[in-house]
Each structure stands twice: as C-alpha cells, then as structure tokens.
C-alpha cells in the first residue's frame, strides 16, 4: 500500500470540493503512510537555540554552545541535534548503526557520543570511531557506519530538521513569514512555559480545527469577545497560511484576559506551517503549537511560550494570563475535536462540504495533504 500514491479526491476549487473521507481520520494504516510521506519529508520544529543542555563547570549551556546536544522524537523517529566543536549545528538519527540502541539520551555537553547499549562511539560530526570487541568481523568498514545525517536549519531561535535530503529549503516553507515578523525582537527571547495536552483524535482533526474560525461564535465565547469576527479571514500561501483575527478595542476594565493589549502599533501574527506547526507572534511574546500524532486516534499538542525577561513581575503576570486564556480555549477545542473523531466513526457520515468564506484554510491543508500523499 505504501508504494502506491494515495488519492484524497478533494477538488482543487473549494466551491466544488467535498471534505476528506472519514477513513483518512480513522484508518491506522493511513497514519503510517503520513509518517513516511509527510512527516519525514517536511521541516519539523524540534527545539530552540536556547534549549538547555545542562551545566559545565557551573555554567549553564545551551545548544548554541559548542560540544552540546539534545535529543528529540520526530513522529516516532529518534533524532539528535548537536553543536560540534567548530560551532556547526547538525542533526542525525539517534539510532546506533550496530543494533539500533540510542546513541544519546536527554541532553548534555560532550565531545563524543557513546551508544547507551554497547558503547559504540561517534564524533559530533557523525563519524564512527569506537567499536569495542568487534575483532573478527569481516568486511567491516567504519567509514560507512557513521551516524545517519539529517538536514538541519534554523530560523531565528527555532531549530528545524528534515529527513528528506531532496526537500526544498526551510526558507521556501516559511515564505514571507520572516519578513512579516522582522519587527519582533527575537534577541533575548526566553522560554517561559510549556503545556502538553493528549487528545483522543486524529492529528488532522486538530489542524482542521485550528485552520478555521467558523466555530468560534459557537464554541469559544471568551475568544469571541476578544476578536472582531466580521473581519476574521485566512490567506493561503505555498506551504503556510495566515489568519487575521483583529482584536476588539475593549474598555480597560474588560481587558483582564486578553490575548494582548491593542494600540501598540503592532499587530498579532498567526501562522500555520505545513503540516503541524502553529506560530503565534504577539507584540511582546511568541507561542508555538506543535501537533504530534501518537496514534491514528490520539494526538499530542505541545504549547510553548517565549517572552523577554521572564523573571520580571510584570511578565510573570502576563505569562500567567496568556497561559490561562490559551488553556480555556484549548479545553473547548479538545471537546470539539474528540466529538468530531467519534462522529467520523459513524456509519451515517463519510464526507461533508466546505464553507467557501470560512474554511479555505482547511481546504488548502487538504490540498497539501493530497500533494504529499499522492507521491509514491
């Protein structure tokens, strides 16, 4: 099945299109194909340059420092990101070439990496240099057994990895996002908080839900008070889309739980980058939402917030309010997404239609799914 193109049968004109068939959300074999054709062929956010790698001689280290590393999981694939002695950032599969043990665990500061299973040793540029007790093995060439390299690129603080050596560069996926976000002060950005949510739904249901504001008047009363829904729109680009959700001007006494304070001369920017990254850029902070499939009907959503001067009293309160407001909306979305997953299993439903005005972002996502799943 995985060698054949997978056809989604979604018309390229939204006016004529039917939504994805329910099997694309309920069939476990579909997820395995998605991992191969989508998650291992696209740029995946795996961390930031401020990611802690422990301490050395009492000094805190990050992946920005030479001879540091951190490990991550990319849709079931163990990976490792390292900064070598020369300062080059690299990424590799975190699977030993001997018998598939983990080359590293967690994060840290090392000048070589030693497999946690049998002690095979690799340099930070990926070469295999240590193979204890392999005497007698014929036709063994260490130079062909180094760590498997992956592509690694950064944008500002964010580190991305791609398994596909032929994929277009990260800049193509991000398009005009760096230009639009250039007014934001990325220097000095600090990690503030992380929230993980496990949701009983297919990962695409959560992405579908994020990509349209159609449900906001019904499902998000708190958010509805914040935004000017009549002006809400989504613009689509090659590998991303942008949502415009203008903030209403409220009286000061009503502004306690807002997304951000308007009137600063800078708007909030809401981006989705194919297939599973949401990037929310406010005048004073950035938050990311990463959508990770755990199974065909279980999804991890990772929310992270980044501020400047995270220890100040003013920002601590700002962080608390941002996280609390986000959690309120997230809890509402969790209920929606889990109910949709149950509905997709029903014998009475297979496909629906798109709202031309409100669901062009969802249709754009489905067209990209069809493009990637249609590749052998």
Protein backbone atom coordinates (compact mmCIF):
# COMPACT_ATOMS: atom_id res chain seq x y z
CA UNK A 1 0.00 0.00 0.00
CA UNK A 2 2.78 2.41 0.87
CA UNK A 3 4.38 2.13 -2.59
CA UNK A 4 1.27 3.46 -4.35
CA UNK A 5 0.04 7.06 -4.50
CA UNK A 6 -2.84 7.81 -2.14
CA UNK A 7 -5.63 9.86 -3.71
CA UNK A 8 -7.72 12.10 -1.45
CA UNK A 9 -10.21 13.10 -4.17
CA UNK A 10 -10.54 16.72 -2.99
CA UNK A 11 -11.43 19.13 -5.80
CA UNK A 12 -8.96 22.00 -6.19
CA UNK A 13 -11.83 24.52 -6.28
CA UNK A 14 -13.31 24.85 -2.81
CA UNK A 15 -16.74 25.62 -4.27
CA UNK A 16 -16.82 22.16 -5.85
CA UNK A 17 -14.93 20.23 -3.20
CA UNK A 18 -16.04 17.64 -0.67
CA UNK A 19 -14.05 17.27 2.55
CA UNK A 20 -11.74 14.34 3.28
CA UNK A 21 -13.40 10.93 3.52
CA UNK A 22 -13.72 9.78 7.12
CA UNK A 23 -11.29 6.88 6.61
CA UNK A 24 -8.42 9.35 6.42
CA UNK A 25 -9.06 10.07 10.11
CA UNK A 26 -9.94 6.58 11.34
CA UNK A 27 -7.73 4.11 9.41
CA UNK A 28 -4.46 3.32 11.27
CA UNK A 29 -2.69 2.41 8.02
CA UNK A 30 -3.13 5.98 6.79
CA UNK A 31 -1.02 7.36 9.64
CA UNK A 32 1.91 5.11 8.75
CA UNK A 33 1.80 6.45 5.19
CA UNK A 34 1.59 10.01 6.52
CA UNK A 35 4.68 9.49 8.66
CA UNK A 36 6.62 8.33 5.61
CA UNK A 37 5.33 10.81 3.03
CA UNK A 38 4.59 13.88 5.14
CA UNK A 39 6.41 13.96 8.49
CA UNK A 40 9.69 12.61 7.08
CA UNK A 41 9.51 14.89 4.03
CA UNK A 42 8.78 18.22 5.72
CA UNK A 43 10.58 20.60 8.08
CA UNK A 44 9.77 19.74 11.67
CA UNK A 45 10.34 22.06 14.63
CA UNK A 46 12.44 20.15 17.18
CA UNK A 47 13.68 22.83 19.59
CA UNK A 48 15.20 26.27 20.03
CA UNK A 49 18.72 27.62 20.24
CA UNK A 50 18.09 28.46 23.89
CA UNK A 51 17.35 24.81 24.65
CA UNK A 52 19.14 23.89 27.87
CA UNK A 53 21.91 21.29 27.62
CA UNK A 54 22.79 21.23 31.32
CA UNK A 55 25.78 22.74 33.08
CA UNK A 56 29.52 22.52 32.65
CA UNK A 57 31.82 23.78 35.39
CA UNK A 58 28.85 25.59 36.93
CA UNK A 59 27.99 27.42 33.70
CA UNK A 60 24.61 26.79 32.06
CA UNK A 61 24.93 25.53 28.49
CA UNK A 62 22.53 25.61 25.54
CA UNK A 63 22.60 24.11 22.06
CA UNK A 64 24.09 27.43 20.92
CA UNK A 65 27.32 26.38 22.69
CA UNK A 66 29.93 24.09 21.04
CA UNK A 67 30.03 20.42 22.10
CA UNK A 68 26.41 20.31 23.24
CA UNK A 69 23.45 18.16 22.19
CA UNK A 70 19.78 17.40 22.77
CA UNK A 71 17.57 14.53 21.68
CA UNK A 72 14.01 14.62 20.39
CA UNK A 73 11.34 12.47 18.78
CA UNK A 74 10.08 13.31 15.31
CA UNK A 75 6.77 11.46 14.75
CA UNK A 76 8.28 8.26 16.15
CA UNK A 77 11.81 8.82 14.78
CA UNK A 78 14.52 9.34 17.44
CA UNK A 79 16.82 12.22 16.48
CA UNK A 80 19.75 14.05 17.99
CA UNK A 81 20.79 17.67 17.39
CA UNK A 82 24.42 18.56 18.13
CA UNK A 83 26.66 21.61 18.03
CA UNK A 84 30.13 20.37 17.08
CA UNK A 85 33.48 21.76 18.22
CA UNK A 86 33.66 24.09 15.20
CA UNK A 87 30.23 25.52 16.05
CA UNK A 88 28.27 23.85 13.26
CA UNK A 89 24.72 22.74 14.09
CA UNK A 90 23.97 19.22 12.87
CA UNK A 91 21.20 16.65 13.16
CA UNK A 92 21.35 12.85 12.99
CA UNK A 93 19.21 9.83 13.53
CA UNK A 94 19.62 8.87 17.19
CA UNK A 95 19.90 5.17 16.30
CA UNK A 96 23.19 3.32 16.60
CA UNK A 97 24.36 1.56 13.43
CA UNK A 98 25.20 -1.55 15.46
CA UNK A 99 21.90 -2.84 16.91
CA UNK A 100 19.66 0.22 16.99
CA UNK A 101 20.38 1.39 20.53
CA UNK A 102 20.11 5.10 21.43
CA UNK A 103 23.31 6.99 20.71
CA UNK A 104 22.39 9.57 23.35
CA UNK A 105 19.72 10.22 25.95
CA UNK A 106 18.30 13.57 27.06
CA UNK A 107 20.71 16.45 26.57
CA UNK A 108 24.18 17.41 27.67
CA UNK A 109 27.71 18.59 26.89
CA UNK A 110 30.08 16.04 25.32
CA UNK A 111 32.83 15.94 22.73
CA UNK A 112 31.92 12.38 21.67
CA UNK A 113 28.69 10.39 21.84
CA UNK A 114 28.67 6.84 23.16
CA UNK A 115 25.80 4.47 22.41
CA UNK A 116 23.88 3.62 25.57
CA UNK A 117 23.63 -0.06 24.59
CA UNK A 118 27.09 -1.40 23.60
CA UNK A 119 29.32 1.64 23.72
CA UNK A 120 29.94 2.34 20.04
CA UNK A 121 31.37 5.85 19.91
CA UNK A 122 30.74 8.68 17.43
CA UNK A 123 32.23 12.13 16.93
CA UNK A 124 29.93 15.16 16.85
CA UNK A 125 30.31 15.33 13.07
CA UNK A 126 28.88 11.80 12.87
CA UNK A 127 31.96 9.60 12.33
CA UNK A 128 32.14 6.19 14.00
CA UNK A 129 35.43 6.00 15.92
CA UNK A 130 34.94 3.37 18.62
CA UNK A 131 33.71 -0.22 18.23
CA UNK A 132 34.62 -2.33 21.28
CA UNK A 133 35.07 -6.09 20.81
CA UNK A 134 34.39 -6.33 17.08
CA UNK A 135 37.60 -8.22 16.28
CA UNK A 136 36.98 -10.99 13.78
CA UNK A 137 34.17 -9.24 11.90
CA UNK A 138 34.94 -9.48 8.19
CA UNK A 139 34.40 -6.75 5.60
CA UNK A 140 33.79 -4.17 8.34
CA UNK A 141 34.39 -0.57 7.27
CA UNK A 142 33.87 2.03 10.00
CA UNK A 143 33.79 4.85 7.45
CA UNK A 144 30.44 3.57 6.11
CA UNK A 145 28.87 3.16 9.56
CA UNK A 146 28.68 6.71 10.87
CA UNK A 147 25.54 8.32 12.25
CA UNK A 148 22.86 8.86 9.61
CA UNK A 149 22.81 12.61 8.87
CA UNK A 150 19.61 14.66 8.61
CA UNK A 151 19.08 18.16 7.32
CA UNK A 152 19.09 20.87 9.96
CA UNK A 153 18.25 24.54 9.50
CA UNK A 154 17.27 27.41 11.78
CA UNK A 155 15.10 30.48 11.63
CA UNK A 156 15.84 32.94 14.43
CA UNK A 157 15.64 30.86 17.67
CA UNK A 158 13.89 27.87 16.09
CA UNK A 159 15.62 24.64 15.04
CA UNK A 160 14.09 22.51 12.27
CA UNK A 161 15.02 19.04 11.00
CA UNK A 162 14.10 17.25 7.77
CA UNK A 163 14.72 13.59 6.84
CA UNK A 164 14.34 14.33 3.11
CA UNK A 165 17.68 15.34 1.61
CA UNK A 166 15.84 16.49 -1.55
CA UNK A 167 13.19 18.64 0.14
CA UNK A 168 13.05 22.35 -0.61
CA UNK A 169 14.91 24.53 1.93
CA UNK A 170 13.24 25.80 5.08
CA UNK A 171 13.04 29.30 3.59
CA UNK A 172 10.59 28.03 0.94
CA UNK A 173 8.29 26.61 3.62
CA UNK A 174 8.41 29.82 5.67
CA UNK A 175 7.90 32.08 2.66
CA UNK A 176 7.28 35.67 3.77
CA UNK A 177 6.93 34.84 7.48
CA UNK A 178 10.47 36.05 8.38
CA UNK A 179 9.87 39.34 6.58
CA UNK A 180 6.49 39.87 8.25
CA UNK A 181 7.96 39.06 11.68
CA UNK A 182 11.09 41.19 11.32
CA UNK A 183 9.73 43.87 13.66
CA UNK A 184 9.64 41.39 16.52
CA UNK A 185 12.64 41.47 18.86
CA UNK A 186 13.93 37.87 18.74
CA UNK A 187 17.17 38.65 20.59
CA UNK A 188 16.90 37.76 24.26
CA UNK A 189 13.79 35.64 23.83
CA UNK A 190 13.47 33.18 26.72
CA UNK A 191 11.44 30.03 27.23
CA UNK A 192 8.61 30.78 29.67
CA UNK A 193 6.27 27.77 29.88
CA UNK A 194 5.19 24.53 28.21
CA UNK A 195 1.84 22.77 28.33
CA UNK A 196 1.21 19.30 26.84
CA UNK A 197 -2.26 18.01 26.01
CA UNK A 198 -3.09 14.48 24.83
CA UNK A 199 -6.31 14.47 22.79
CA UNK A 200 -8.34 11.47 21.61
CA UNK A 201 -8.49 12.47 17.96
CA UNK A 202 -6.56 12.17 14.72
CA UNK A 203 -3.88 14.84 14.30
CA UNK A 204 -5.59 16.23 11.19
CA UNK A 205 -8.79 16.94 13.11
CA UNK A 206 -6.86 19.26 15.41
CA UNK A 207 -5.18 21.01 12.46
CA UNK A 208 -8.53 21.33 10.65
CA UNK A 209 -9.98 22.92 13.77
CA UNK A 210 -7.12 25.42 14.13
CA UNK A 211 -7.35 26.49 10.49
CA UNK A 212 -10.87 27.89 10.62
CA UNK A 213 -12.62 30.48 12.74
CA UNK A 214 -16.02 29.21 11.62
CA UNK A 215 -16.63 27.54 15.00
CA UNK A 216 -15.56 30.49 17.17
CA UNK A 217 -19.03 32.08 17.64
CA UNK A 218 -20.45 28.72 18.77
CA UNK A 219 -17.59 27.14 20.72
CA UNK A 220 -15.37 29.95 22.07
CA UNK A 221 -17.41 32.62 23.88
CA UNK A 222 -14.34 34.08 25.60
CA UNK A 223 -12.36 34.30 22.36
CA UNK A 224 -15.40 35.73 20.54
CA UNK A 225 -15.38 38.68 22.96
CA UNK A 226 -11.75 39.39 22.09
CA UNK A 227 -11.80 39.36 18.29
CA UNK A 228 -13.64 41.22 15.55
CA UNK A 229 -15.16 38.12 13.96
CA UNK A 230 -16.62 40.02 10.99
CA UNK A 231 -13.04 40.88 9.92
CA UNK A 232 -11.65 37.35 10.52
CA UNK A 233 -10.06 35.86 7.41
CA UNK A 234 -7.42 33.32 6.29
CA UNK A 235 -4.91 33.87 3.47
CA UNK A 236 -3.15 30.85 1.99
CA UNK A 237 0.35 30.57 0.53
CA UNK A 238 2.52 27.72 -0.82
CA UNK A 239 3.29 25.83 2.42
CA UNK A 240 1.58 28.01 5.03
CA UNK A 241 -1.45 30.11 5.77
CA UNK A 242 -2.05 33.23 7.82
CA UNK A 243 -5.11 34.02 9.90
CA UNK A 244 -6.16 37.59 10.52
CA UNK A 245 -8.12 38.00 13.76
CA UNK A 246 -8.27 41.69 14.69
CA UNK A 247 -8.57 42.36 18.43
CA UNK A 248 -11.55 44.42 19.52
CA UNK A 249 -10.91 47.65 21.41
CA UNK A 250 -12.36 46.99 24.88
CA UNK A 251 -12.73 49.16 27.90
CA UNK A 252 -9.80 48.85 30.30
CA UNK A 253 -11.90 47.10 32.95
CA UNK A 254 -12.82 44.37 30.42
CA UNK A 255 -9.27 43.69 29.25
CA UNK A 256 -8.06 41.37 32.01
CA UNK A 257 -7.78 38.15 30.00
CA UNK A 258 -6.88 39.38 26.58
CA UNK A 259 -4.56 37.89 24.02
CA UNK A 260 -2.51 41.09 24.01
CA UNK A 261 -3.03 44.81 24.51
CA UNK A 262 -4.03 46.60 21.28
CA UNK A 263 -2.88 50.08 20.40
CA UNK A 264 0.84 49.24 20.42
CA UNK A 265 1.18 49.91 16.70
CA UNK A 266 1.96 46.27 16.01
CA UNK A 267 -0.50 43.55 15.11
CA UNK A 268 -0.54 39.92 16.17
CA UNK A 269 0.54 37.42 13.50
CA UNK A 270 -0.98 33.94 13.33
CA UNK A 271 0.69 31.42 11.02
CA UNK A 272 0.26 27.73 10.29
CA UNK A 273 3.16 25.96 8.56
CA UNK A 274 2.51 22.62 6.84
CA UNK A 275 1.93 20.13 8.23
CA UNK A 276 1.76 20.61 12.01
CA UNK A 277 3.17 23.90 13.33
CA UNK A 278 1.24 26.92 14.56
CA UNK A 279 3.24 30.10 15.17
CA UNK A 280 1.60 32.94 17.07
CA UNK A 281 3.60 36.19 17.16
CA UNK A 282 2.37 38.94 19.51
CA UNK A 283 3.99 42.33 20.12
CA UNK A 284 5.58 41.09 23.36
CA UNK A 285 5.84 37.29 23.04
CA UNK A 286 5.76 34.26 20.76
CA UNK A 287 3.94 30.98 21.27
CA UNK A 288 4.19 27.78 19.25
CA UNK A 289 1.77 24.88 18.97
CA UNK A 290 3.23 21.62 17.66
CA UNK A 291 0.81 18.84 16.70
CA UNK A 292 2.29 15.34 17.07
CA UNK A 293 0.44 12.13 16.11
CA UNK A 294 0.72 9.43 18.79
CA UNK A 295 -1.65 7.03 17.04
CA UNK A 296 -4.36 7.32 14.41
CA UNK A 297 -6.80 8.48 17.11
CA UNK A 298 -4.51 10.08 19.70
CA UNK A 299 -2.62 13.37 19.34
CA UNK A 300 -0.14 15.31 21.46
CA UNK A 301 -0.35 19.10 21.25
CA UNK A 302 2.68 20.92 22.65
CA UNK A 303 2.19 24.58 23.57
CA UNK A 304 5.28 26.67 24.35
CA UNK A 305 5.55 30.37 25.27
CA UNK A 306 8.59 32.61 24.84
CA UNK A 307 8.98 36.06 26.43
CA UNK A 308 11.71 38.57 27.19
CA UNK A 309 12.75 38.98 30.81
CA UNK A 310 10.68 36.06 32.07
CA UNK A 311 11.58 36.78 35.72
CA UNK A 312 10.05 40.25 35.92
CA UNK A 313 6.86 40.62 37.95
CA UNK A 314 5.03 42.24 35.06
CA UNK A 315 5.92 39.47 32.63
CA UNK A 316 5.18 36.69 35.12
CA UNK A 317 1.63 38.03 35.36
CA UNK A 318 1.48 38.40 31.57
CA UNK A 319 2.64 34.78 31.16
CA UNK A 320 0.08 33.57 33.69
CA UNK A 321 -2.76 35.34 31.88
CA UNK A 322 -1.62 34.16 28.42
CA UNK A 323 -1.39 30.53 29.53
CA UNK A 324 -4.73 30.66 31.35
CA UNK A 325 -6.53 32.17 28.35
CA UNK A 326 -4.93 29.66 25.99
CA UNK A 327 -5.88 26.78 28.29
CA UNK A 328 -9.52 27.93 28.33
CA UNK A 329 -9.67 27.88 24.52
CA UNK A 330 -7.75 24.61 24.36
CA UNK A 331 -10.15 22.83 26.69
CA UNK A 332 -13.03 23.93 24.47
CA UNK A 333 -11.19 22.69 21.37
CA UNK A 334 -10.39 19.34 22.98
CA UNK A 335 -14.09 18.66 23.44
CA UNK A 336 -14.83 19.65 19.85
CA UNK A 337 -12.06 17.51 18.36
CA UNK A 338 -12.88 14.41 20.40
CA UNK A 339 -16.55 14.68 19.45
CA UNK A 340 -15.63 15.00 15.77
CA UNK A 341 -13.47 11.86 16.00
CA UNK A 342 -16.47 9.96 17.36
CA UNK A 343 -18.66 11.36 14.60
CA UNK A 344 -16.21 10.31 11.90
CA UNK A 345 -16.58 6.70 13.04
CA UNK A 346 -20.34 6.84 12.50
CA UNK A 347 -21.89 4.74 9.73
CA UNK A 348 -24.03 7.76 8.81
CA UNK A 349 -21.13 10.04 7.81
CA UNK A 350 -18.42 9.96 5.17
CA UNK A 351 -17.80 13.42 3.68
CA UNK A 352 -19.06 16.98 4.02
CA UNK A 353 -18.65 20.34 2.23
CA UNK A 354 -16.50 23.38 2.94
CA UNK A 355 -17.66 26.87 3.85
CA UNK A 356 -16.18 28.89 0.99
CA UNK A 357 -15.93 32.00 3.19
CA UNK A 358 -14.66 30.41 6.39
CA UNK A 359 -12.84 27.13 5.58
CA UNK A 360 -10.40 27.99 2.78
CA UNK A 361 -7.52 27.30 5.21
CA UNK A 362 -8.80 23.76 5.81
CA UNK A 363 -9.20 23.18 2.06
CA UNK A 364 -5.62 24.46 1.49
CA UNK A 365 -4.35 21.99 4.13
CA UNK A 366 -6.20 19.12 2.44
CA UNK A 367 -4.78 20.03 -0.96
CA UNK A 368 -1.25 19.87 0.50
CA UNK A 369 -2.07 16.50 2.08
CA UNK A 370 -3.16 15.28 -1.33
CA UNK A 371 0.06 16.55 -2.92
CA UNK A 372 2.31 14.72 -0.44
CA UNK A 373 0.24 11.55 -0.07
CA UNK A 374 -0.06 11.35 -3.86
CA UNK A 375 3.71 10.78 -4.11
CA UNK A 376 4.89 7.17 -4.21
